[in-house]
N, C-alpha and C. Protein backbone atom coordinates (compact mmCIF):
# COMPACT_ATOMS: atom_id res chain seq x y z
N MET A 1 -10.80 3.35 -31.28
CA MET A 1 -11.36 3.33 -30.08
C MET A 1 -12.25 2.00 -30.11
N ASN A 2 -12.04 1.78 -28.65
CA ASN A 2 -12.04 0.47 -28.99
C ASN A 2 -14.02 0.68 -28.20
N ASP A 3 -14.63 -0.49 -28.83
CA ASP A 3 -16.00 -0.72 -28.53
C ASP A 3 -16.18 -1.01 -26.89
N PRO A 4 -17.17 0.35 -26.38
CA PRO A 4 -17.47 -0.21 -24.96
C PRO A 4 -17.99 -1.82 -24.31
N VAL A 5 -17.26 -2.02 -23.22
CA VAL A 5 -17.64 -3.47 -22.71
C VAL A 5 -18.59 -3.15 -22.49
N THR A 6 -19.54 -4.11 -22.75
CA THR A 6 -21.01 -4.87 -22.61
C THR A 6 -21.05 -6.05 -20.77
N VAL A 7 -21.49 -4.87 -19.82
CA VAL A 7 -21.85 -5.92 -18.70
C VAL A 7 -23.06 -6.24 -18.54
N PRO A 8 -22.51 -7.97 -18.26
CA PRO A 8 -23.78 -9.19 -18.13
C PRO A 8 -25.12 -8.29 -17.39
N ASP A 9 -26.33 -8.93 -17.67
CA ASP A 9 -27.42 -8.20 -16.58
C ASP A 9 -26.84 -8.98 -15.75
N PRO A 10 -27.32 -8.74 -14.62
CA PRO A 10 -26.50 -9.35 -13.31
C PRO A 10 -27.97 -10.26 -12.93
N ALA A 11 -28.49 -10.62 -13.35
CA ALA A 11 -29.79 -11.63 -13.12
C ALA A 11 -29.01 -12.57 -13.80
N GLY A 12 -27.96 -12.86 -14.83
CA GLY A 12 -27.86 -13.19 -15.89
C GLY A 12 -29.44 -13.88 -17.47
N SER A 13 -28.78 -14.55 -18.27
CA SER A 13 -29.26 -15.00 -19.28
C SER A 13 -30.45 -16.21 -19.23
N THR A 14 -29.44 -17.02 -18.21
CA THR A 14 -29.96 -18.63 -18.69
C THR A 14 -29.90 -18.71 -17.46
N ARG A 15 -30.05 -19.72 -16.53
CA ARG A 15 -29.91 -20.41 -15.34
C ARG A 15 -29.60 -21.63 -15.25
N PRO A 16 -28.85 -22.21 -15.41
CA PRO A 16 -28.12 -23.77 -14.79
C PRO A 16 -29.80 -25.06 -13.99
N GLY A 17 -29.95 -25.65 -14.51
CA GLY A 17 -30.90 -26.74 -13.68
C GLY A 17 -31.12 -27.46 -13.06
N ARG A 18 -31.32 -27.82 -12.07
CA ARG A 18 -30.38 -29.13 -10.70
C ARG A 18 -29.94 -29.75 -11.82
N GLU A 19 -28.46 -31.00 -11.62
CA GLU A 19 -28.20 -31.25 -12.37
C GLU A 19 -28.44 -32.63 -11.39
N THR A 20 -29.63 -33.98 -12.68
CA THR A 20 -30.24 -35.17 -12.51
C THR A 20 -29.50 -36.12 -11.14
N ALA A 21 -28.53 -36.10 -11.86
CA ALA A 21 -27.54 -36.94 -10.83
C ALA A 21 -27.34 -36.76 -9.69
N GLU A 22 -27.70 -35.29 -8.92
CA GLU A 22 -26.57 -35.03 -7.76
C GLU A 22 -28.59 -35.48 -7.02
N GLN A 23 -28.25 -35.28 -5.56
CA GLN A 23 -29.22 -35.93 -4.75
C GLN A 23 -29.43 -34.83 -3.26
N GLY A 24 -30.05 -35.48 -2.24
CA GLY A 24 -29.55 -34.24 -1.44
C GLY A 24 -30.77 -32.97 -0.93
N PHE A 25 -30.48 -32.37 -0.34
CA PHE A 25 -30.59 -31.05 0.65
C PHE A 25 -30.76 -29.99 -0.84
N LEU A 26 -31.73 -29.71 -1.01
CA LEU A 26 -32.02 -28.46 -1.90
C LEU A 26 -32.23 -27.34 -1.04
N ALA A 27 -31.72 -26.04 -1.25
CA ALA A 27 -31.74 -25.12 0.07
C ALA A 27 -32.71 -24.29 -0.90
N PRO A 28 -34.13 -24.21 -0.08
CA PRO A 28 -34.99 -23.02 -0.69
C PRO A 28 -34.21 -21.80 -1.12
N ALA A 29 -35.86 -21.07 -1.65
CA ALA A 29 -35.37 -19.56 -2.33
C ALA A 29 -34.70 -18.58 -0.74
N ALA A 30 -35.60 -18.63 0.26
CA ALA A 30 -34.66 -17.84 1.09
C ALA A 30 -32.91 -17.76 1.69
N LEU A 31 -33.13 -19.19 1.55
CA LEU A 31 -31.73 -19.81 2.04
C LEU A 31 -30.46 -19.31 0.93
N THR A 32 -31.09 -19.53 -0.67
CA THR A 32 -29.75 -19.18 -1.42
C THR A 32 -29.62 -17.83 -1.60
N LYS A 33 -31.12 -17.13 -1.45
CA LYS A 33 -31.08 -15.35 -1.29
C LYS A 33 -29.78 -14.95 -0.11
N ASN A 34 -29.95 -15.48 1.27
CA ASN A 34 -29.22 -15.13 1.99
C ASN A 34 -27.66 -15.10 1.61
N LEU A 35 -27.27 -16.89 1.51
CA LEU A 35 -25.61 -16.66 1.15
C LEU A 35 -25.35 -16.32 -0.15
N GLN A 36 -26.33 -15.74 -0.85
CA GLN A 36 -25.80 -14.70 -1.99
C GLN A 36 -25.45 -13.70 -1.20
N ALA A 37 -26.36 -12.88 -0.34
CA ALA A 37 -26.33 -11.75 0.16
C ALA A 37 -24.60 -11.85 0.73
N VAL A 38 -24.41 -12.94 1.79
CA VAL A 38 -22.73 -13.01 2.46
C VAL A 38 -21.73 -13.17 1.10
N LEU A 39 -21.82 -14.12 -0.12
CA LEU A 39 -21.56 -13.93 -1.01
C LEU A 39 -20.65 -12.51 -1.39
N VAL A 40 -22.03 -12.05 -1.60
CA VAL A 40 -21.74 -10.52 -2.70
C VAL A 40 -20.45 -9.99 -1.21
N ASP A 41 -20.97 -9.49 -0.43
CA ASP A 41 -20.48 -8.66 0.28
C ASP A 41 -19.11 -9.52 0.32
N LEU A 42 -19.04 -10.46 1.15
CA LEU A 42 -17.52 -11.36 1.01
C LEU A 42 -16.75 -10.93 0.01
N THR A 43 -17.12 -10.99 -1.06
CA THR A 43 -16.07 -10.77 -2.50
C THR A 43 -15.81 -9.45 -2.45
N ALA A 44 -17.01 -7.99 -2.29
CA ALA A 44 -16.92 -6.99 -2.14
C ALA A 44 -15.50 -6.59 -1.09
N LEU A 45 -15.43 -7.55 -0.10
CA LEU A 45 -14.23 -7.35 1.12
C LEU A 45 -13.01 -7.05 0.44
N HIS A 46 -13.04 -8.77 -0.35
CA HIS A 46 -11.32 -9.50 -1.04
C HIS A 46 -11.36 -7.85 -1.92
N LEU A 47 -11.95 -7.41 -2.34
CA LEU A 47 -11.77 -6.34 -3.54
C LEU A 47 -11.37 -5.21 -2.67
N VAL A 48 -11.89 -4.43 -1.79
CA VAL A 48 -11.95 -3.69 -1.31
C VAL A 48 -10.61 -3.32 -0.14
N GLY A 49 -10.39 -4.71 0.36
CA GLY A 49 -8.99 -4.82 0.68
C GLY A 49 -7.95 -4.58 -0.03
N LYS A 50 -8.07 -5.10 -1.47
CA LYS A 50 -7.12 -5.38 -2.22
C LYS A 50 -6.50 -3.91 -2.39
N GLN A 51 -7.88 -2.65 -2.85
CA GLN A 51 -7.71 -1.74 -3.41
C GLN A 51 -6.26 -0.44 -2.15
N ALA A 52 -7.30 -1.36 -0.81
CA ALA A 52 -6.68 -0.56 0.29
C ALA A 52 -5.15 -0.97 0.94
N HIS A 53 -4.87 -2.36 0.35
CA HIS A 53 -3.53 -2.87 -0.23
C HIS A 53 -2.62 -2.34 -0.53
N TRP A 54 -2.98 -1.77 -1.95
CA TRP A 54 -1.88 -1.16 -3.10
C TRP A 54 -2.46 0.44 -2.48
N ASN A 55 -3.16 1.07 -2.20
CA ASN A 55 -2.99 2.50 -2.10
C ASN A 55 -2.57 3.32 -1.11
N ILE A 56 -2.85 2.30 0.39
CA ILE A 56 -2.44 3.02 1.35
C ILE A 56 -0.90 3.30 2.04
N VAL A 57 -1.01 4.76 2.06
CA VAL A 57 0.44 5.59 2.16
C VAL A 57 0.05 6.07 4.15
N GLY A 58 1.48 6.31 4.87
CA GLY A 58 1.96 6.74 5.81
C GLY A 58 2.16 6.49 7.00
N PRO A 59 2.16 6.23 8.35
CA PRO A 59 2.61 5.93 9.13
C PRO A 59 2.05 4.33 9.23
N ASN A 60 2.78 3.41 10.16
CA ASN A 60 3.05 2.04 9.77
C ASN A 60 2.27 1.62 8.95
N PHE A 61 2.87 1.83 7.38
CA PHE A 61 2.53 1.62 6.27
C PHE A 61 2.52 0.30 5.83
N ARG A 62 3.79 -0.68 6.64
CA ARG A 62 4.38 -1.76 6.51
C ARG A 62 3.34 -3.27 6.80
N ASP A 63 2.78 -2.81 8.62
CA ASP A 63 2.16 -3.90 9.31
C ASP A 63 0.86 -3.51 8.66
N LEU A 64 0.33 -2.36 7.98
CA LEU A 64 -1.22 -2.47 8.15
C LEU A 64 -1.42 -2.83 6.16
N HIS A 65 0.28 -2.61 6.06
CA HIS A 65 0.10 -3.47 4.33
C HIS A 65 -0.15 -4.83 3.85
N LEU A 66 0.88 -5.63 5.72
CA LEU A 66 0.66 -7.33 5.56
C LEU A 66 -0.87 -7.21 6.21
N ASN A 67 -1.25 -6.48 7.02
CA ASN A 67 -2.46 -7.15 7.81
C ASN A 67 -4.16 -7.46 6.82
N LEU A 68 -3.76 -6.11 6.10
CA LEU A 68 -5.02 -6.25 4.54
C LEU A 68 -4.32 -7.53 3.52
N ASP A 69 -3.31 -7.71 3.38
CA ASP A 69 -3.74 -9.12 3.24
C ASP A 69 -4.17 -10.00 3.77
N GLU A 70 -3.78 -10.01 5.23
CA GLU A 70 -4.55 -11.15 5.65
C GLU A 70 -6.42 -11.27 5.56
N VAL A 71 -7.11 -9.84 6.15
CA VAL A 71 -8.26 -9.71 5.54
C VAL A 71 -8.26 -10.36 4.45
N VAL A 72 -7.71 -9.91 3.30
CA VAL A 72 -8.23 -10.35 2.08
C VAL A 72 -8.37 -11.37 2.11
N ALA A 73 -7.14 -12.33 2.87
CA ALA A 73 -7.03 -13.86 2.53
C ALA A 73 -8.58 -14.74 3.19
N ILE A 74 -8.77 -13.97 4.84
CA ILE A 74 -9.95 -14.75 4.73
C ILE A 74 -10.55 -14.23 4.19
N ALA A 75 -11.51 -13.00 3.76
CA ALA A 75 -12.06 -12.67 2.23
C ALA A 75 -12.21 -13.97 1.11
N ARG A 76 -11.49 -14.16 1.10
CA ARG A 76 -11.64 -14.90 -0.06
C ARG A 76 -11.71 -16.40 -0.20
N ALA A 77 -10.82 -16.49 1.01
CA ALA A 77 -11.30 -18.20 1.27
C ALA A 77 -12.91 -17.95 1.85
N SER A 78 -13.54 -17.49 2.60
CA SER A 78 -14.56 -18.04 3.13
C SER A 78 -15.73 -17.46 1.99
N ALA A 79 -15.52 -16.89 0.75
CA ALA A 79 -15.56 -16.44 -0.29
C ALA A 79 -16.12 -17.97 -1.36
N ASP A 80 -15.22 -18.45 -0.93
CA ASP A 80 -15.30 -19.76 -1.62
C ASP A 80 -15.74 -20.77 -0.95
N ASP A 81 -15.87 -21.00 0.31
CA ASP A 81 -16.26 -21.47 1.36
C ASP A 81 -17.88 -21.32 1.06
N VAL A 82 -18.53 -20.28 1.56
CA VAL A 82 -19.99 -20.02 0.69
C VAL A 82 -20.39 -20.23 -0.30
N ALA A 83 -19.44 -20.15 -1.82
CA ALA A 83 -20.25 -20.66 -3.09
C ALA A 83 -20.00 -21.49 -2.60
N GLU A 84 -18.91 -22.84 -2.13
CA GLU A 84 -19.02 -24.17 -2.58
C GLU A 84 -20.60 -24.84 -1.59
N ARG A 85 -20.47 -24.13 -0.70
CA ARG A 85 -21.92 -24.38 0.07
C ARG A 85 -23.42 -24.46 -1.02
N MET A 86 -23.15 -23.27 -1.28
CA MET A 86 -23.95 -23.06 -2.24
C MET A 86 -24.90 -24.28 -2.89
N ARG A 87 -23.44 -24.44 -3.62
CA ARG A 87 -23.27 -25.25 -4.70
C ARG A 87 -23.59 -26.60 -4.23
N ALA A 88 -23.09 -27.45 -2.90
CA ALA A 88 -23.51 -28.51 -2.36
C ALA A 88 -25.28 -28.34 -2.26
N LEU A 89 -25.34 -27.50 -2.07
CA LEU A 89 -27.26 -27.03 -1.45
C LEU A 89 -28.05 -27.18 -2.80
N HIS A 90 -27.46 -27.33 -4.26
CA HIS A 90 -27.65 -26.79 -5.69
C HIS A 90 -28.27 -25.26 -5.80
N ALA A 91 -27.48 -24.66 -5.73
CA ALA A 91 -28.07 -22.86 -5.31
C ALA A 91 -26.44 -22.75 -6.41
N ALA A 92 -27.00 -21.88 -7.42
CA ALA A 92 -25.55 -21.12 -8.28
C ALA A 92 -25.15 -19.71 -7.44
N PRO A 93 -24.13 -19.81 -6.92
CA PRO A 93 -23.85 -18.47 -6.65
C PRO A 93 -23.68 -17.71 -8.02
N ASP A 94 -23.56 -16.10 -7.28
CA ASP A 94 -22.92 -15.47 -8.78
C ASP A 94 -22.25 -13.79 -8.09
N ALA A 95 -20.74 -14.27 -8.59
CA ALA A 95 -19.70 -13.18 -7.77
C ALA A 95 -19.58 -12.95 -9.14
N ARG A 96 -19.82 -12.42 -10.24
CA ARG A 96 -19.91 -11.43 -11.29
C ARG A 96 -19.30 -10.21 -10.77
N PRO A 97 -18.80 -9.34 -11.40
CA PRO A 97 -18.08 -8.02 -11.32
C PRO A 97 -19.63 -6.96 -11.18
N ALA A 98 -20.25 -7.00 -12.16
CA ALA A 98 -21.74 -6.75 -11.90
C ALA A 98 -22.34 -6.94 -10.85
N VAL A 99 -22.66 -8.13 -10.74
CA VAL A 99 -23.60 -8.56 -8.90
C VAL A 99 -23.01 -8.04 -8.71
N VAL A 100 -21.66 -8.22 -7.97
CA VAL A 100 -20.90 -7.50 -6.40
C VAL A 100 -21.35 -5.89 -6.51
N ALA A 101 -21.19 -5.21 -7.72
CA ALA A 101 -21.59 -3.69 -7.86
C ALA A 101 -22.48 -3.29 -7.14
N GLU A 102 -23.60 -3.80 -7.96
CA GLU A 102 -25.01 -3.80 -7.69
C GLU A 102 -25.39 -3.94 -6.02
N GLN A 103 -25.11 -5.31 -6.13
CA GLN A 103 -25.59 -5.97 -4.55
C GLN A 103 -24.69 -5.95 -3.18
N THR A 104 -23.87 -5.40 -3.82
CA THR A 104 -22.86 -4.83 -2.52
C THR A 104 -23.60 -4.23 -1.28
N THR A 105 -23.23 -4.21 -0.11
CA THR A 105 -24.28 -3.43 1.28
C THR A 105 -22.10 -2.78 1.21
N LEU A 106 -21.19 -2.90 1.21
CA LEU A 106 -20.04 -2.12 1.84
C LEU A 106 -20.49 -0.62 1.11
N PRO A 107 -20.03 0.30 1.90
CA PRO A 107 -19.23 1.63 1.73
C PRO A 107 -18.22 1.17 0.98
N GLU A 108 -18.18 2.62 0.00
CA GLU A 108 -17.53 2.80 -1.39
C GLU A 108 -16.48 3.27 -0.96
N PHE A 109 -14.98 2.42 -1.49
CA PHE A 109 -13.85 2.86 -0.46
C PHE A 109 -13.11 3.87 -1.65
N PRO A 110 -12.40 5.03 -1.44
CA PRO A 110 -12.19 5.80 -2.09
C PRO A 110 -10.45 5.42 -3.17
N GLN A 111 -10.85 6.24 -4.37
CA GLN A 111 -10.08 5.93 -4.88
C GLN A 111 -8.40 6.89 -4.65
N GLY A 112 -7.22 6.04 -5.27
CA GLY A 112 -6.43 6.70 -5.18
C GLY A 112 -5.72 6.36 -4.32
N GLU A 113 -4.37 7.21 -3.88
CA GLU A 113 -3.89 6.70 -2.40
C GLU A 113 -4.29 7.44 -1.34
N VAL A 114 -4.83 6.53 -0.41
CA VAL A 114 -5.16 6.67 1.25
C VAL A 114 -4.27 6.68 2.42
N LEU A 115 -4.75 7.62 3.45
CA LEU A 115 -3.99 7.66 4.25
C LEU A 115 -3.79 6.49 5.40
N THR A 116 -2.93 5.44 5.51
CA THR A 116 -3.54 4.84 6.70
C THR A 116 -4.30 4.82 7.41
N HIS A 117 -4.05 5.76 8.83
CA HIS A 117 -5.31 5.65 9.82
C HIS A 117 -6.71 6.04 8.83
N ASP A 118 -6.76 6.67 7.88
CA ASP A 118 -8.05 6.22 7.40
C ASP A 118 -8.59 5.23 6.67
N ALA A 119 -7.39 4.55 5.91
CA ALA A 119 -8.20 2.94 5.56
C ALA A 119 -8.29 2.48 6.66
N ILE A 120 -7.56 2.45 7.82
CA ILE A 120 -8.47 2.05 8.98
C ILE A 120 -9.28 1.62 9.04
N ASP A 121 -9.95 3.02 9.72
CA ASP A 121 -11.13 2.96 9.62
C ASP A 121 -11.92 2.69 8.52
N LEU A 122 -11.99 2.97 7.22
CA LEU A 122 -12.66 2.41 6.01
C LEU A 122 -12.81 1.43 5.80
N MET A 123 -11.14 -0.07 6.75
CA MET A 123 -11.81 -0.97 6.69
C MET A 123 -11.91 -1.42 7.05
N THR A 124 -11.95 -1.20 8.93
CA THR A 124 -13.15 -1.46 9.83
C THR A 124 -14.47 -0.90 9.35
N ALA A 125 -15.30 -0.41 8.94
CA ALA A 125 -16.47 -0.45 8.61
C ALA A 125 -16.73 -1.40 7.88
N SER A 126 -15.89 -1.83 6.33
CA SER A 126 -16.08 -2.68 4.97
C SER A 126 -16.27 -4.10 6.14
N ILE A 127 -15.20 -4.78 7.31
CA ILE A 127 -15.53 -5.49 7.70
C ILE A 127 -16.68 -5.34 8.24
N GLU A 128 -16.86 -4.93 9.33
CA GLU A 128 -18.30 -4.83 9.87
C GLU A 128 -19.18 -4.52 9.03
N GLY A 129 -19.70 -3.87 7.66
CA GLY A 129 -20.67 -4.61 7.47
C GLY A 129 -20.27 -5.61 6.79
N THR A 130 -19.92 -6.16 6.58
CA THR A 130 -19.48 -8.09 6.19
C THR A 130 -20.00 -8.18 6.88
N VAL A 131 -19.93 -8.36 8.08
CA VAL A 131 -20.16 -8.96 9.39
C VAL A 131 -21.84 -8.70 9.66
N GLY A 132 -22.30 -7.92 9.47
CA GLY A 132 -23.58 -7.38 9.84
C GLY A 132 -24.81 -7.63 8.73
N THR A 133 -23.75 -8.14 7.61
CA THR A 133 -24.91 -8.91 6.41
C THR A 133 -25.31 -10.05 6.96
N MET A 134 -23.77 -10.69 8.04
CA MET A 134 -24.19 -11.99 8.25
C MET A 134 -24.90 -12.44 9.10
N ARG A 135 -24.42 -11.48 9.73
CA ARG A 135 -25.75 -11.38 11.59
C ARG A 135 -26.98 -11.42 10.69
N SER A 136 -27.29 -10.50 9.75
CA SER A 136 -28.52 -10.03 9.55
C SER A 136 -29.89 -11.52 8.72
N VAL A 137 -28.60 -12.19 8.04
CA VAL A 137 -29.36 -13.03 7.91
C VAL A 137 -29.07 -14.39 8.68
N HIS A 138 -28.60 -15.02 9.70
CA HIS A 138 -28.01 -15.36 10.16
C HIS A 138 -29.09 -16.56 10.73
N ASP A 139 -30.07 -15.61 11.37
CA ASP A 139 -31.23 -17.01 11.96
C ASP A 139 -32.15 -17.87 10.95
N GLU A 140 -32.35 -16.49 9.96
CA GLU A 140 -32.95 -17.31 8.89
C GLU A 140 -32.18 -18.97 8.27
N VAL A 141 -30.36 -18.39 8.19
CA VAL A 141 -29.82 -18.95 7.57
C VAL A 141 -29.56 -20.64 8.52
N ASP A 142 -29.33 -20.47 9.74
CA ASP A 142 -29.75 -21.46 10.65
C ASP A 142 -31.01 -22.38 11.00
N GLU A 143 -32.17 -21.64 10.69
CA GLU A 143 -33.18 -22.25 10.68
C GLU A 143 -33.93 -23.49 9.30
N ALA A 144 -32.94 -22.88 8.46
CA ALA A 144 -33.23 -23.44 7.08
C ALA A 144 -31.65 -24.59 7.09
N ASP A 145 -30.82 -24.64 7.51
CA ASP A 145 -29.36 -25.08 7.35
C ASP A 145 -28.71 -24.86 8.27
N PRO A 146 -28.69 -25.61 9.56
CA PRO A 146 -27.61 -25.39 10.24
C PRO A 146 -26.51 -25.73 10.14
N THR A 147 -25.46 -26.43 9.18
CA THR A 147 -24.86 -26.30 8.47
C THR A 147 -23.82 -24.98 8.25
N SER A 148 -24.64 -24.82 7.65
CA SER A 148 -24.76 -23.20 6.54
C SER A 148 -24.25 -22.09 7.27
N ALA A 149 -25.11 -22.14 8.60
CA ALA A 149 -24.72 -21.20 9.85
C ALA A 149 -23.64 -21.72 10.73
N ASP A 150 -23.27 -22.88 10.66
CA ASP A 150 -21.94 -22.96 11.08
C ASP A 150 -20.58 -22.22 10.38
N ILE A 151 -20.89 -21.80 9.10
CA ILE A 151 -19.79 -21.80 8.55
C ILE A 151 -19.39 -20.23 8.47
N LEU A 152 -20.78 -19.88 8.71
CA LEU A 152 -20.99 -18.23 8.67
C LEU A 152 -20.28 -17.91 10.43
N HIS A 153 -20.92 -18.89 11.43
CA HIS A 153 -19.61 -18.37 12.59
C HIS A 153 -18.16 -18.42 12.70
N GLY A 154 -17.71 -19.50 11.45
CA GLY A 154 -16.57 -19.34 11.63
C GLY A 154 -15.71 -18.14 11.02
N ILE A 155 -16.63 -17.42 10.63
CA ILE A 155 -16.03 -16.51 9.21
C ILE A 155 -16.08 -15.08 10.15
N ILE A 156 -17.42 -14.92 10.45
CA ILE A 156 -17.98 -13.89 11.53
C ILE A 156 -16.48 -14.08 12.52
N GLU A 157 -16.33 -14.79 13.65
CA GLU A 157 -15.57 -15.13 14.39
C GLU A 157 -14.10 -14.80 13.63
N LYS A 158 -13.24 -14.78 12.61
CA LYS A 158 -12.51 -14.26 12.08
C LYS A 158 -11.88 -12.96 11.81
N LEU A 159 -14.03 -12.69 11.06
CA LEU A 159 -13.16 -10.97 10.50
C LEU A 159 -13.58 -10.07 11.60
N GLU A 160 -14.35 -10.90 12.69
CA GLU A 160 -14.55 -9.67 14.24
C GLU A 160 -12.88 -9.28 15.08
N GLN A 161 -12.16 -10.51 14.41
CA GLN A 161 -10.98 -10.40 15.22
C GLN A 161 -10.09 -9.31 14.75
N GLN A 162 -9.76 -10.02 13.09
CA GLN A 162 -8.93 -8.59 11.85
C GLN A 162 -9.78 -7.27 12.32
N ALA A 163 -11.37 -7.48 12.71
CA ALA A 163 -11.70 -5.66 13.15
C ALA A 163 -11.32 -5.02 14.33
N TRP A 164 -10.96 -5.67 15.32
CA TRP A 164 -10.34 -5.68 15.73
C TRP A 164 -9.24 -5.26 16.00
N PHE A 165 -7.81 -6.37 15.28
CA PHE A 165 -6.61 -6.01 15.19
C PHE A 165 -6.25 -4.74 14.58
N LEU A 166 -7.23 -4.29 13.24
CA LEU A 166 -7.37 -2.88 12.60
C LEU A 166 -7.52 -1.69 13.41
N SER A 167 -8.85 -1.76 14.15
CA SER A 167 -8.65 -0.59 14.94
C SER A 167 -8.26 -0.23 15.81
N ALA A 168 -7.54 -1.38 16.70
CA ALA A 168 -6.69 -1.14 17.76
C ALA A 168 -5.47 -0.16 17.55
N GLU A 169 -5.25 -0.03 16.16
CA GLU A 169 -3.99 1.08 15.56
C GLU A 169 -4.45 2.40 16.16
N THR A 170 -5.96 2.76 16.11
CA THR A 170 -5.83 4.04 15.51
C THR A 170 -6.90 4.75 17.15
N ARG A 171 -6.44 3.43 18.02
CA ARG A 171 -7.80 3.77 19.01
C ARG A 171 -6.79 3.80 20.60
N THR A 172 -7.31 4.76 21.60
CA THR A 172 -6.64 5.43 22.44
C THR A 172 -7.29 4.54 23.54
N PRO A 173 -6.27 4.17 24.68
CA PRO A 173 -7.52 3.69 25.97
C PRO A 173 -8.12 4.46 26.55
N LYS A 174 -9.46 3.96 26.68
CA LYS A 174 -10.27 4.84 27.66
C LYS A 174 -9.43 5.23 29.28
N GLU A 175 -10.13 6.35 29.75
CA GLU A 175 -9.79 6.41 30.72
C GLU A 175 -10.56 5.58 31.75
N ARG A 176 -9.61 5.45 32.97
CA ARG A 176 -10.58 4.41 34.14
C ARG A 176 -11.25 5.62 34.71
């Protein structure tokens, strides 16, 4: 029998110090906290998107399967952009599995096969949750660092477009 796997303390046991050779803007604690929240939800969105991608079944499978890869690519690239911005500001991003699991605001995605129409609603909720996190921290981020806020703007635009693409699959036109 294997020994149980120990998950690291989400806060970590040690934190790296600021490199003495680096100069420039040092992210205040609130900016670091806000960007960390965005990083966690983007990382979770990437994982939720792959879970859906692997387990959807039903009508319009192929189109949704491919669309989910677009969402995953946006989430993954965006998480990288946010993490690298944090490093440029001398903050240490933390997307370890235990941290993401503990801190994400996204709803739980079910295990096993999921009907395509249900997956659309679940993924739309996850995208909207991720965008909600970005919108909730936006003003503080913008006040501390407009450049970081600009990064959030681009991510919000891409994710809201994906939420629209996905949700259009199950919507019906409103009566006029």
